[in-house]
Amino acid sequence: MDGFRLADIVMGSLLVFISLAGVAGNSLALSYFLNARPSKSNNRYIRNLYIVITIVDLLACASLFPIIEAAFQDGRGGVMFMSPWFCDVWGLLWTGLPIMSIFLIAFMGLSRLCVIIRPSFRLKERISWAVPLCFCIVLLTLILAMFYSEGMYIVYRREWLACYPAVFPAHEDPDSLVSPEDISRGVVLSTLFSIIPGISIVPISVSAVLSVVYLRVSARLSSRMSVSTKQQNSATVTILLVTLLYFLFNIPFSLTVVGGLVLNHSLADESVEVTVKTYNSAALWDSRVLNEYGYFVIFYLCISLNSLCNPLMYLYRMEKFKSWVRAKTGLGSSTEGQSKKDPDRDLVLVNEGGDGGTNTGCSATNISSDRV
């Protein structure tokens, strides 16, 4: 058994664990959020947003099985990916999932900015459904329009263990020349798929920095903090941890997508003729190992790991969710009575009613724990 075959088996085994654990964790998280009944509007806003995020994470983990099957096959001949219709559906799904996930994190960052800048700001609950739904519809429409207008094809790339968008069909003669129109379509395709991953870094980074400022201000006023403000501080810590997960798992994806855009522009500027084989083999790295496993790790392993780590973060940071999971799995006692008394406890967003405490002038906007 050569080193590449062994690496495929190791990656397939790793994805089995991620898929099973991710589906279980996100299913529990989705059930919890669906049954949560926060009383405050801003907390209901965040609850709804996390329902959408959890659905995306659940899809990402559940759809790994074709990659797993291909990784365990000799020569990476995935049986499911050999089916044209399955390859099309799976490729279209994974074209949109990472972009949707990054958009949701950026959208949460913008929501957080609103209440950090204006603590009394009331977020409209329906926006938490409407904006992600509209973005999903626009993204899906765009992808389908490009696919059915022959501006994009979904082909199985053995070196990436996945079906992936391309500007040529799989049966295209590798020695045929690439027309300027085909290269232009590749540039347009790369540009469209680079916009969200590229610009999302800004609102996420800015909101994270303001969250740190919020924590520092609150720390100086710690002697006057109310229980609600302490919960908001805990929510801010959770914000920073979720943002750290984003940077850890999604920044490589964003940079690679933008790098692909630069690569396509460089091919478009070439004065020499480019064949289909040369175009398809153009890569960001010269190493075969990086080209085969680098793309796999960045595009699929990192995204799915992020989807797995999100419910683990909820479990770590949210005491009531942790108790709920223990009760559901038979590993501990339920805290239903406590939940009814404080339905917002795990969903602190902003103090929407006077609690007799001191307002620090800042606020947090994320799923939080009740740790203080």
Protein backbone atom coordinates (compact mmCIF):
# COMPACT_ATOMS: atom_id res chain seq x y z
CA MET A 1 0.00 0.00 0.00
CA ASP A 2 1.54 3.30 -1.08
CA GLY A 3 1.48 6.50 0.94
CA PHE A 4 -1.31 8.13 -1.07
CA ARG A 5 -3.61 5.13 -0.62
CA LEU A 6 -2.94 5.09 3.13
CA ALA A 7 -3.65 8.83 3.31
CA ASP A 8 -6.99 8.29 1.54
CA ILE A 9 -8.00 5.65 4.08
CA VAL A 10 -6.98 7.88 6.99
CA MET A 11 -8.96 10.81 5.56
CA GLY A 12 -11.97 8.60 4.92
CA SER A 13 -11.88 7.29 8.49
CA LEU A 14 -11.60 10.82 9.84
CA LEU A 15 -14.61 11.91 7.78
CA VAL A 16 -16.64 8.96 9.10
CA PHE A 17 -16.12 10.25 12.64
CA ILE A 18 -16.84 13.87 11.66
CA SER A 19 -20.00 12.90 9.79
CA LEU A 20 -21.46 10.69 12.53
CA ALA A 21 -20.52 13.01 15.42
CA GLY A 22 -21.55 16.12 13.47
CA VAL A 23 -24.97 14.74 12.54
CA ALA A 24 -25.61 13.65 16.15
CA GLY A 25 -24.39 16.94 17.67
CA ASN A 26 -26.20 19.22 15.26
CA SER A 27 -29.40 17.17 15.50
CA LEU A 28 -29.38 17.67 19.28
CA ALA A 29 -28.60 21.39 18.89
CA LEU A 30 -31.36 21.84 16.31
CA SER A 31 -33.90 20.13 18.55
CA TYR A 32 -32.84 22.32 21.47
CA PHE A 33 -33.10 25.59 19.54
CA LEU A 34 -36.44 24.63 18.01
CA ASN A 35 -37.86 24.00 21.48
CA ALA A 36 -36.28 27.11 23.08
CA ARG A 37 -38.83 29.80 23.92
CA PRO A 38 -36.90 32.99 24.79
CA SER A 39 -39.14 35.83 25.93
CA LYS A 40 -37.07 38.76 24.59
CA SER A 41 -37.16 39.73 20.92
CA ASN A 42 -33.40 40.03 20.42
CA ASN A 43 -32.87 36.60 21.94
CA ARG A 44 -35.54 35.12 19.67
CA TYR A 45 -33.69 36.74 16.76
CA ILE A 46 -30.47 34.94 17.68
CA ARG A 47 -32.35 31.69 18.39
CA ASN A 48 -33.78 31.78 14.85
CA LEU A 49 -30.41 32.59 13.33
CA TYR A 50 -28.80 29.65 15.10
CA ILE A 51 -31.52 27.35 13.85
CA VAL A 52 -30.49 28.29 10.31
CA ILE A 53 -26.78 27.86 11.11
CA THR A 54 -27.42 24.44 12.65
CA ILE A 55 -29.38 23.29 9.59
CA VAL A 56 -26.45 24.28 7.35
CA ASP A 57 -24.01 22.48 9.67
CA LEU A 58 -26.23 19.39 9.69
CA LEU A 59 -26.30 19.30 5.89
CA ALA A 60 -22.53 19.72 5.69
CA CYS A 61 -21.89 16.76 8.00
CA ALA A 62 -24.61 14.54 6.52
CA SER A 63 -23.41 15.03 2.93
CA LEU A 64 -19.88 13.74 3.52
CA PHE A 65 -20.74 10.09 2.76
CA PRO A 66 -19.92 10.25 -1.01
CA ILE A 67 -16.41 11.55 -0.24
CA ILE A 68 -16.00 8.80 2.35
CA GLU A 69 -17.06 6.15 -0.18
CA ALA A 70 -14.65 7.54 -2.81
CA ALA A 71 -11.75 7.69 -0.32
CA PHE A 72 -12.06 3.97 0.43
CA GLN A 73 -12.24 2.98 -3.26
CA ASP A 74 -9.11 1.99 -5.18
CA GLY A 75 -8.20 4.77 -7.55
CA ARG A 76 -10.76 7.04 -5.87
CA GLY A 77 -13.45 5.71 -8.20
CA GLY A 78 -16.44 6.84 -6.18
CA VAL A 79 -19.51 4.88 -7.29
CA MET A 80 -21.95 7.63 -6.29
CA PHE A 81 -19.90 10.35 -7.96
CA MET A 82 -19.91 8.32 -11.17
CA SER A 83 -23.65 8.99 -11.45
CA PRO A 84 -24.03 12.25 -13.44
CA TRP A 85 -27.23 13.38 -11.72
CA PHE A 86 -25.85 12.62 -8.24
CA CYS A 87 -22.60 14.42 -9.03
CA ASP A 88 -24.59 17.45 -10.22
CA VAL A 89 -26.81 17.60 -7.13
CA TRP A 90 -23.96 17.02 -4.67
CA GLY A 91 -21.67 19.49 -6.44
CA LEU A 92 -24.33 22.19 -6.48
CA LEU A 93 -25.02 21.57 -2.77
CA TRP A 94 -21.36 21.90 -1.80
CA THR A 95 -20.93 24.90 -4.06
CA GLY A 96 -23.46 26.75 -1.91
CA LEU A 97 -22.94 25.32 1.61
CA PRO A 98 -19.56 26.95 2.43
CA ILE A 99 -20.70 30.30 1.03
CA MET A 100 -23.96 30.10 3.00
CA SER A 101 -22.09 29.23 6.19
CA ILE A 102 -19.67 32.14 5.82
CA PHE A 103 -22.54 34.52 5.01
CA LEU A 104 -24.36 33.51 8.21
CA ILE A 105 -21.30 34.20 10.35
CA ALA A 106 -20.90 37.60 8.68
CA PHE A 107 -24.60 38.34 9.11
CA MET A 108 -24.32 37.49 12.80
CA GLY A 109 -21.34 39.83 13.01
CA LEU A 110 -23.36 42.69 11.52
CA SER A 111 -26.23 41.96 13.92
CA ARG A 112 -23.79 42.04 16.80
CA LEU A 113 -22.41 45.37 15.62
CA CYS A 114 -25.90 46.89 15.71
CA VAL A 115 -26.45 46.18 19.39
CA ILE A 116 -22.85 46.86 20.43
CA ILE A 117 -23.07 50.34 18.92
CA ARG A 118 -26.68 50.88 20.07
CA PRO A 119 -27.47 48.75 23.15
CA SER A 120 -31.15 49.70 23.02
CA PHE A 121 -31.53 48.59 19.40
CA ARG A 122 -34.30 46.03 18.86
CA LEU A 123 -33.62 43.52 16.10
CA LYS A 124 -36.65 42.51 14.04
CA GLU A 125 -37.27 38.82 14.63
CA ARG A 126 -38.51 38.18 11.09
CA ILE A 127 -35.21 39.50 9.66
CA SER A 128 -33.40 36.51 11.16
CA TRP A 129 -35.44 34.28 8.83
CA ALA A 130 -35.95 36.60 5.87
CA VAL A 131 -32.34 37.65 5.18
CA PRO A 132 -30.81 34.12 5.21
CA LEU A 133 -33.76 32.79 3.18
CA CYS A 134 -33.45 35.54 0.57
CA PHE A 135 -29.69 35.05 0.34
CA CYS A 136 -30.17 31.29 -0.06
CA ILE A 137 -32.71 31.83 -2.85
CA VAL A 138 -30.45 34.32 -4.67
CA LEU A 139 -27.40 32.03 -4.30
CA LEU A 140 -29.33 28.97 -5.49
CA THR A 141 -30.83 30.89 -8.41
CA LEU A 142 -27.40 32.14 -9.45
CA ILE A 143 -25.82 28.69 -9.26
CA LEU A 144 -28.68 27.03 -11.18
CA ALA A 145 -28.71 29.81 -13.79
CA MET A 146 -25.00 29.35 -14.48
CA PHE A 147 -25.38 25.57 -14.51
CA TYR A 148 -28.31 25.43 -16.94
CA SER A 149 -26.92 28.16 -19.19
CA GLU A 150 -23.82 26.02 -19.79
CA GLY A 151 -21.70 28.57 -17.98
CA MET A 152 -20.74 25.93 -15.43
CA TYR A 153 -20.42 22.15 -15.31
CA ILE A 154 -20.14 19.83 -12.35
CA VAL A 155 -17.38 17.26 -12.86
CA TYR A 156 -15.85 14.64 -10.59
CA ARG A 157 -12.27 15.62 -9.72
CA ARG A 158 -10.51 12.49 -8.46
CA GLU A 159 -7.61 14.54 -7.14
CA TRP A 160 -10.05 16.41 -4.87
CA LEU A 161 -12.30 13.43 -4.06
CA ALA A 162 -15.35 15.50 -4.94
CA CYS A 163 -17.59 16.84 -7.68
CA TYR A 164 -16.69 20.44 -8.34
CA PRO A 165 -17.76 23.32 -10.65
CA ALA A 166 -15.85 23.62 -13.89
CA VAL A 167 -16.16 25.52 -17.15
CA PHE A 168 -15.79 22.34 -19.21
CA PRO A 169 -17.81 19.10 -19.26
CA ALA A 170 -16.06 15.96 -18.05
CA HIS A 171 -15.84 14.48 -21.58
CA GLU A 172 -14.07 17.51 -23.08
CA ASP A 173 -10.97 16.62 -25.13
CA PRO A 174 -8.00 17.50 -22.86
CA ASP A 175 -5.90 18.55 -25.86
CA SER A 176 -8.47 20.97 -27.26
CA LEU A 177 -7.74 24.67 -26.94
CA VAL A 178 -9.51 26.85 -24.39
CA SER A 179 -11.35 29.72 -26.01
CA PRO A 180 -11.18 33.25 -24.56
CA GLU A 181 -14.92 32.95 -23.83
CA ASP A 182 -14.31 29.84 -21.70
CA ILE A 183 -11.56 31.57 -19.75
CA SER A 184 -13.81 34.60 -19.25
CA ARG A 185 -16.53 32.31 -17.85
CA GLY A 186 -13.96 30.87 -15.46
CA VAL A 187 -13.08 34.38 -14.27
CA VAL A 188 -16.77 35.24 -13.76
CA LEU A 189 -17.35 31.96 -11.91
CA SER A 190 -14.37 32.55 -9.62
CA THR A 191 -15.41 36.16 -9.01
CA LEU A 192 -18.96 35.24 -7.99
CA PHE A 193 -17.77 32.57 -5.59
CA SER A 194 -15.08 34.83 -4.11
CA ILE A 195 -17.24 37.83 -3.20
CA ILE A 196 -18.82 36.52 0.03
CA PRO A 197 -15.74 34.64 1.36
CA GLY A 198 -13.60 37.68 0.59
CA ILE A 199 -15.65 40.54 2.02
CA SER A 200 -17.03 38.60 4.99
CA ILE A 201 -13.69 38.95 6.79
CA VAL A 202 -14.37 42.66 7.38
CA PRO A 203 -17.62 42.58 9.44
CA ILE A 204 -16.51 39.48 11.34
CA SER A 205 -13.15 41.03 12.27
CA VAL A 206 -14.63 44.42 13.21
CA SER A 207 -17.34 42.89 15.39
CA ALA A 208 -14.75 40.68 17.10
CA VAL A 209 -12.56 43.70 17.89
CA LEU A 210 -15.55 45.61 19.30
CA SER A 211 -16.43 42.57 21.39
CA VAL A 212 -12.95 42.65 22.94
CA VAL A 213 -13.42 46.36 23.67
CA TYR A 214 -16.75 45.52 25.28
CA LEU A 215 -15.10 42.95 27.54
CA ARG A 216 -12.40 45.41 28.61
CA VAL A 217 -14.96 48.12 29.42
CA SER A 218 -17.05 45.64 31.38
CA ALA A 219 -14.02 44.42 33.29
CA ARG A 220 -13.29 47.97 34.48
CA LEU A 221 -16.88 48.24 35.72
CA SER A 222 -16.96 44.76 37.23
CA SER A 223 -17.80 46.00 40.71
CA ARG A 224 -21.09 47.46 39.42
CA MET A 225 -22.12 44.65 37.07
CA SER A 226 -25.59 43.18 37.39
CA VAL A 227 -26.41 39.52 36.74
CA SER A 228 -27.72 40.42 33.28
CA THR A 229 -24.52 42.27 32.40
CA LYS A 230 -22.43 39.31 33.55
CA GLN A 231 -24.46 37.07 31.28
CA GLN A 232 -23.82 39.50 28.41
CA ASN A 233 -20.09 39.33 29.19
CA SER A 234 -20.28 35.56 29.01
CA ALA A 235 -22.08 35.89 25.68
CA THR A 236 -19.23 38.06 24.41
CA VAL A 237 -16.68 35.40 25.36
CA THR A 238 -18.74 32.92 23.36
CA ILE A 239 -18.75 35.38 20.45
CA LEU A 240 -14.96 35.46 20.44
CA LEU A 241 -14.71 31.67 20.58
CA VAL A 242 -17.15 31.24 17.68
CA THR A 243 -15.21 33.88 15.74
CA LEU A 244 -11.97 32.03 16.49
CA LEU A 245 -13.52 28.88 15.02
CA TYR A 246 -14.46 30.87 11.94
CA PHE A 247 -10.92 32.16 11.43
CA LEU A 248 -9.42 28.72 12.10
CA PHE A 249 -11.60 26.81 9.64
CA ASN A 250 -12.89 29.33 7.08
CA ILE A 251 -10.05 31.78 6.43
CA PRO A 252 -8.04 29.11 4.53
CA PHE A 253 -11.12 28.50 2.38
CA SER A 254 -11.63 32.21 1.73
CA LEU A 255 -7.97 32.78 0.85
CA THR A 256 -7.91 29.75 -1.46
CA VAL A 257 -11.06 30.89 -3.28
CA VAL A 258 -9.57 34.35 -3.75
CA GLY A 259 -6.32 32.71 -4.87
CA GLY A 260 -8.29 30.78 -7.47
CA LEU A 261 -9.68 34.06 -8.75
CA VAL A 262 -6.17 35.47 -9.11
CA LEU A 263 -5.10 32.28 -10.90
CA ASN A 264 -7.98 32.54 -13.36
CA HIS A 265 -7.12 36.16 -14.07
CA SER A 266 -3.51 35.16 -14.73
CA LEU A 267 -4.67 32.52 -17.24
CA ALA A 268 -6.87 35.10 -18.92
CA ASP A 269 -3.85 37.36 -19.33
CA GLU A 270 -1.71 34.65 -20.91
CA SER A 271 -0.72 35.41 -24.49
CA VAL A 272 -0.01 31.72 -25.21
CA GLU A 273 -2.68 29.18 -26.11
CA VAL A 274 -4.04 27.13 -23.21
CA THR A 275 -5.36 23.57 -23.55
CA VAL A 276 -8.16 22.08 -21.46
CA LYS A 277 -5.61 19.83 -19.73
CA THR A 278 -3.40 22.79 -18.83
CA TYR A 279 -6.38 24.83 -17.64
CA ASN A 280 -7.71 22.04 -15.42
CA SER A 281 -4.29 21.26 -13.98
CA ALA A 282 -3.48 24.88 -13.15
CA ALA A 283 -3.07 25.00 -9.37
CA LEU A 284 -2.00 27.26 -6.57
CA TRP A 285 0.78 24.89 -5.50
CA ASP A 286 3.45 22.99 -7.40
CA SER A 287 3.40 20.01 -5.06
CA ARG A 288 1.16 17.04 -5.92
CA VAL A 289 0.55 16.40 -2.23
CA LEU A 290 -0.62 19.97 -1.63
CA ASN A 291 -2.75 20.04 -4.76
CA GLU A 292 -4.51 16.77 -3.95
CA TYR A 293 -4.77 16.94 -0.18
CA GLY A 294 -4.52 20.70 0.31
CA TYR A 295 -7.75 21.37 -1.56
CA PHE A 296 -9.43 18.46 0.19
CA VAL A 297 -8.42 19.71 3.64
CA ILE A 298 -9.37 23.34 2.95
CA PHE A 299 -12.61 22.82 1.04
CA TYR A 300 -14.11 19.82 2.79
CA LEU A 301 -12.27 18.83 5.96
CA CYS A 302 -12.08 22.34 7.46
CA ILE A 303 -15.69 23.21 6.60
CA SER A 304 -17.02 19.96 8.06
CA LEU A 305 -14.82 20.33 11.16
CA ASN A 306 -16.32 23.78 11.71
CA SER A 307 -19.79 22.22 11.48
CA LEU A 308 -18.77 19.59 14.04
CA CYS A 309 -17.17 22.07 16.44
CA ASN A 310 -20.18 24.43 16.58
CA PRO A 311 -22.39 22.09 18.67
CA LEU A 312 -19.36 21.26 20.81
CA MET A 313 -18.99 24.99 21.46
CA TYR A 314 -22.66 25.22 22.45
CA LEU A 315 -22.14 22.27 24.79
CA TYR A 316 -19.08 23.89 26.34
CA ARG A 317 -20.51 27.38 26.75
CA MET A 318 -24.22 26.80 27.41
CA GLU A 319 -25.01 25.28 30.79
CA LYS A 320 -28.72 24.83 30.10
CA PHE A 321 -28.04 23.16 26.77
CA LYS A 322 -25.56 20.87 28.49
CA SER A 323 -28.19 19.90 31.08
CA TRP A 324 -30.76 19.39 28.32
CA VAL A 325 -28.42 17.04 26.44
CA ARG A 326 -27.70 15.08 29.61
CA ALA A 327 -31.40 14.67 30.24
CA LYS A 328 -32.14 13.61 26.65
CA THR A 329 -29.28 11.11 26.56
CA GLY A 330 -29.95 9.78 30.06
CA LEU A 331 -26.61 11.00 31.36
CA GLY A 332 -28.01 13.47 33.89
CA SER A 333 -31.06 15.10 35.39
CA SER A 334 -33.33 17.53 33.56
CA THR A 335 -33.57 21.23 34.42
CA GLU A 336 -36.97 21.92 32.90
CA GLY A 337 -38.17 23.81 35.93
CA GLN A 338 -35.17 26.09 35.75
CA SER A 339 -35.75 26.57 32.00
CA LYS A 340 -39.29 27.79 32.53
CA LYS A 341 -38.17 30.32 35.12
CA ASP A 342 -35.48 31.73 32.86
CA PRO A 343 -36.22 30.96 29.19
CA ASP A 344 -33.57 33.47 28.01
CA ARG A 345 -30.77 32.09 30.10
CA ASP A 346 -28.81 30.46 27.26
CA LEU A 347 -29.79 33.09 24.70
CA VAL A 348 -28.58 36.33 26.26
CA LEU A 349 -28.27 39.00 23.61
CA VAL A 350 -28.92 42.33 25.24
CA ASN A 351 -30.65 43.56 28.37
CA GLU A 352 -34.07 44.54 27.00
CA GLY A 353 -35.62 45.37 30.30
CA GLY A 354 -34.40 47.07 33.44
CA ASP A 355 -32.93 44.65 35.89
CA GLY A 356 -31.77 47.24 38.34
CA GLY A 357 -28.19 46.86 37.16
CA THR A 358 -25.69 49.11 35.52
CA ASN A 359 -25.58 49.39 31.75
CA THR A 360 -22.02 49.46 30.46
CA GLY A 361 -23.06 50.98 27.14
CA CYS A 362 -22.17 47.86 25.17
CA SER A 363 -23.84 44.55 24.54
CA ALA A 364 -23.30 41.08 23.13
CA THR A 365 -25.16 39.41 20.33
CA ASN A 366 -24.63 35.70 20.18
CA ILE A 367 -25.70 32.43 21.67
CA SER A 368 -24.28 32.53 25.14
CA SER A 369 -23.83 30.47 28.22
CA ASP A 370 -24.98 31.48 31.66
CA ARG A 371 -21.44 31.23 33.00
CA VAL A 372 -20.35 34.27 34.98
